[in-house]
Amino acid sequence: MRMGLREANHQFSKAIKAVKAGKEVVLTERGKPIAVIKSLEAKEDQEAIIRRLEAEGILRPALKRGPMPAPTWKPVRIKGKPLSQTISEERDER
């Protein structure tokens, strides 16, 4: 639905009724669209968000269902003082 600014100002309740009915109201100034009034979308649940991100190509679905596999890497042990101690000492020097 399109409405000029003057019409929207005088008939705001009409615009809101259209939005509540699921329509978008495009506000125009001298025939050019300048804004859109639309209803707020309901908050997406977690599954819907995941599906949307998959559709956008941001996420890829898992190949297998179930828990994440255990990591195959092993931590590397380094001799010397802990890194946290080194950082604390450097901060104290400042």
Protein backbone atom coordinates (compact mmCIF):
# COMPACT_ATOMS: atom_id res chain seq x y z
CA MET A 1 0.00 0.00 0.00
CA ARG A 2 1.36 3.46 -0.89
CA MET A 3 0.52 6.64 0.97
CA GLY A 4 1.71 10.18 0.58
CA LEU A 5 3.05 11.87 3.70
CA ARG A 6 0.08 14.21 4.00
CA GLU A 7 -2.39 11.34 3.66
CA ALA A 8 -0.42 9.25 6.18
CA ASN A 9 -0.45 12.19 8.60
CA HIS A 10 -4.22 12.59 8.36
CA GLN A 11 -5.06 8.87 8.20
CA PHE A 12 -2.39 7.29 10.40
CA SER A 13 -4.87 4.81 11.89
CA LYS A 14 -5.64 3.56 8.36
CA ALA A 15 -1.93 2.90 7.79
CA ILE A 16 -1.61 1.07 11.11
CA LYS A 17 -4.65 -1.10 10.33
CA ALA A 18 -3.03 -2.07 7.02
CA VAL A 19 0.21 -2.98 8.83
CA LYS A 20 -1.70 -5.08 11.36
CA ALA A 21 -3.36 -6.85 8.42
CA GLY A 22 0.10 -7.90 7.22
CA LYS A 23 0.63 -5.26 4.55
CA GLU A 24 3.58 -2.93 4.17
CA VAL A 25 2.86 0.77 3.84
CA VAL A 26 5.24 2.69 1.59
CA LEU A 27 5.36 6.39 2.46
CA THR A 28 5.99 8.68 -0.48
CA GLU A 29 6.98 12.30 -0.87
CA ARG A 30 6.06 13.84 -4.21
CA GLY A 31 5.56 10.33 -5.58
CA LYS A 32 8.99 9.03 -4.52
CA PRO A 33 9.17 6.31 -1.85
CA ILE A 34 11.02 7.47 1.27
CA ALA A 35 10.06 5.01 4.02
CA VAL A 36 8.30 1.74 4.75
CA ILE A 37 6.09 0.93 7.70
CA LYS A 38 5.87 -2.79 8.36
CA SER A 39 5.13 -5.05 11.29
CA LEU A 40 7.94 -6.29 13.48
CA GLU A 41 8.87 -9.87 12.79
CA ALA A 42 8.42 -12.34 15.59
CA LYS A 43 11.65 -13.40 17.23
CA GLU A 44 13.07 -16.39 15.40
CA ASP A 45 13.56 -19.60 17.29
CA GLN A 46 16.96 -21.28 17.22
CA GLU A 47 16.03 -23.80 14.50
CA ALA A 48 14.67 -21.06 12.23
CA ILE A 49 17.87 -19.03 12.66
CA ILE A 50 20.00 -22.04 11.76
CA ARG A 51 17.89 -22.75 8.66
CA ARG A 52 18.11 -19.09 7.58
CA LEU A 53 21.91 -19.03 8.01
CA GLU A 54 22.19 -22.27 6.02
CA ALA A 55 20.06 -20.77 3.23
CA GLU A 56 22.30 -17.69 3.17
CA GLY A 57 25.37 -19.90 2.87
CA ILE A 58 26.85 -18.79 6.19
CA LEU A 59 26.47 -22.22 7.80
CA ARG A 60 26.75 -25.68 6.32
CA PRO A 61 24.64 -28.48 7.78
CA ALA A 62 26.51 -31.17 9.67
CA LEU A 63 27.31 -34.33 7.72
CA LYS A 64 26.44 -36.51 10.73
CA ARG A 65 24.04 -36.01 13.61
CA GLY A 66 25.22 -36.42 17.16
CA PRO A 67 27.92 -35.01 19.42
CA MET A 68 31.05 -33.34 18.10
CA PRO A 69 33.95 -35.75 17.59
CA ALA A 70 36.84 -35.60 20.04
CA PRO A 71 39.75 -33.47 18.83
CA THR A 72 42.64 -35.38 17.27
CA TRP A 73 45.36 -32.89 18.16
CA LYS A 74 47.56 -33.14 21.24
CA PRO A 75 48.65 -30.15 23.33
CA VAL A 76 52.32 -29.22 23.11
CA ARG A 77 54.15 -29.01 26.44
CA ILE A 78 56.74 -26.24 26.70
CA LYS A 79 59.30 -25.98 29.46
CA GLY A 80 59.54 -22.76 31.44
CA LYS A 81 57.24 -20.54 33.44
CA PRO A 82 53.55 -20.26 32.59
CA LEU A 83 52.49 -17.65 30.04
CA SER A 84 50.19 -16.01 32.59
CA GLN A 85 53.20 -15.38 34.84
CA THR A 86 55.16 -13.83 31.96
CA ILE A 87 52.24 -11.53 31.12
CA SER A 88 51.87 -10.47 34.77
CA GLU A 89 55.58 -9.68 34.97
CA GLU A 90 55.45 -7.58 31.79
CA ARG A 91 52.46 -5.65 33.10
CA ASP A 92 54.23 -4.98 36.39
CA GLU A 93 57.22 -3.54 34.48
CA ARG A 94 55.08 -0.83 32.91
